[in-house]
Amino acid sequence: MALTRGERAPFVTDAIPPALRRRGISSRQVLIACVVGALVLALFASRDTPGWAERLGDSNLDHWLRGIAGAWDAAMEQLGLVHPHEALRAAMHRLLDVTWSAD
């Protein structure tokens, strides 16, 4: 069965096949995926949030954000969710030490 002109995807030169282009996701699904990704990142990167908040500035909002970042990091530490971040950071330090000592 042939597709009508309205059912066919427009001619494009990128790598997305027309069948996948027709079954794309909605903007709401993209927003949900971004929010979920941000939450996962916030869970496992909590060790970096206080350092990020320190570089903001000196307004009342900045101080408020520093307090939130510190509380978030403390909560993630209490739950034990900082261990993957610390293990990755320690592995990177060991790797950098090996590369510098090899020179």
Protein backbone atom coordinates (compact mmCIF):
# COMPACT_ATOMS: atom_id res chain seq x y z
CA MET A 1 0.00 0.00 0.00
CA ALA A 2 1.50 3.32 -1.08
CA LEU A 3 1.51 6.29 1.25
CA THR A 4 -0.30 9.45 0.24
CA ARG A 5 1.60 12.69 -0.13
CA GLY A 6 0.37 13.87 3.31
CA GLU A 7 1.56 10.66 5.01
CA ARG A 8 5.06 10.78 3.59
CA ALA A 9 7.78 12.53 5.53
CA PRO A 10 9.41 15.46 3.76
CA PHE A 11 12.65 14.79 1.92
CA VAL A 12 15.57 15.46 4.23
CA THR A 13 19.24 14.66 4.04
CA ASP A 14 19.93 13.70 7.66
CA ALA A 15 20.21 10.17 9.06
CA ILE A 16 16.71 9.86 10.54
CA PRO A 17 14.67 7.35 8.52
CA PRO A 18 11.23 8.57 7.40
CA ALA A 19 9.45 5.84 9.40
CA LEU A 20 11.01 7.13 12.61
CA ARG A 21 10.35 10.71 11.63
CA ARG A 22 6.61 9.98 11.41
CA ARG A 23 6.58 8.36 14.86
CA GLY A 24 8.35 11.20 16.67
CA ILE A 25 7.65 12.19 20.23
CA SER A 26 5.71 15.20 21.39
CA SER A 27 7.17 18.32 22.95
CA ARG A 28 5.66 17.26 26.29
CA GLN A 29 7.64 14.01 26.17
CA VAL A 30 10.82 15.96 25.41
CA LEU A 31 10.16 18.24 28.39
CA ILE A 32 9.57 15.25 30.68
CA ALA A 33 12.79 13.60 29.47
CA CYS A 34 14.71 16.83 30.19
CA VAL A 35 13.23 17.14 33.68
CA VAL A 36 14.01 13.50 34.49
CA GLY A 37 17.55 13.95 33.19
CA ALA A 38 18.02 17.07 35.30
CA LEU A 39 16.79 15.24 38.41
CA VAL A 40 19.12 12.29 37.80
CA LEU A 41 21.99 14.70 37.28
CA ALA A 42 21.06 16.55 40.48
CA LEU A 43 21.03 13.28 42.39
CA PHE A 44 24.46 12.10 41.34
CA ALA A 45 26.27 15.42 40.92
CA SER A 46 25.34 16.92 44.27
CA ARG A 47 29.02 17.24 45.24
CA ASP A 48 29.49 19.89 42.56
CA THR A 49 26.47 22.04 43.43
CA PRO A 50 28.00 23.87 46.43
CA GLY A 51 31.07 24.79 44.36
CA TRP A 52 28.82 26.01 41.55
CA ALA A 53 26.75 28.06 44.00
CA GLU A 54 29.87 29.70 45.43
CA ARG A 55 30.65 31.25 42.05
CA LEU A 56 27.24 32.88 41.58
CA GLY A 57 27.57 36.28 43.20
CA ASP A 58 26.58 38.14 46.34
CA SER A 59 22.88 38.92 46.05
CA ASN A 60 20.16 37.62 48.37
CA LEU A 61 19.12 35.10 45.72
CA ASP A 62 22.69 33.82 45.48
CA HIS A 63 22.88 33.30 49.25
CA TRP A 64 19.54 31.51 49.17
CA LEU A 65 20.74 29.25 46.35
CA ARG A 66 23.94 28.47 48.29
CA GLY A 67 21.84 27.35 51.24
CA ILE A 68 19.73 25.12 49.02
CA ALA A 69 22.81 23.64 47.33
CA GLY A 70 24.43 22.90 50.70
CA ALA A 71 21.26 21.31 52.07
CA TRP A 72 20.85 19.25 48.88
CA ASP A 73 24.43 18.00 49.11
CA ALA A 74 24.00 17.11 52.77
CA ALA A 75 20.78 15.21 52.02
CA MET A 76 22.42 13.29 49.18
CA GLU A 77 25.36 12.44 51.45
CA GLN A 78 22.97 11.16 54.11
CA LEU A 79 21.29 8.92 51.53
CA GLY A 80 24.67 7.64 50.30
CA LEU A 81 24.19 8.96 46.77
CA VAL A 82 27.54 10.78 46.70
CA HIS A 83 29.60 7.59 46.55
CA PRO A 84 29.42 7.16 42.73
CA HIS A 85 30.56 10.76 42.26
CA GLU A 86 33.41 10.38 44.73
CA ALA A 87 34.50 7.06 43.18
CA LEU A 88 34.53 8.58 39.68
CA ARG A 89 36.45 11.61 40.89
CA ALA A 90 39.01 9.41 42.69
CA ALA A 91 39.43 7.27 39.57
CA MET A 92 40.03 10.36 37.44
CA HIS A 93 42.62 11.66 39.93
CA ARG A 94 44.42 8.30 39.84
CA LEU A 95 44.33 8.31 36.04
CA LEU A 96 45.71 11.84 35.87
CA ASP A 97 48.45 10.92 38.36
CA VAL A 98 49.44 7.97 36.19
CA THR A 99 49.57 10.06 33.01
CA TRP A 100 51.65 12.79 34.69
CA SER A 101 54.05 10.33 36.27
CA ALA A 102 54.55 8.55 32.91
CA ASP A 103 56.02 11.73 31.37
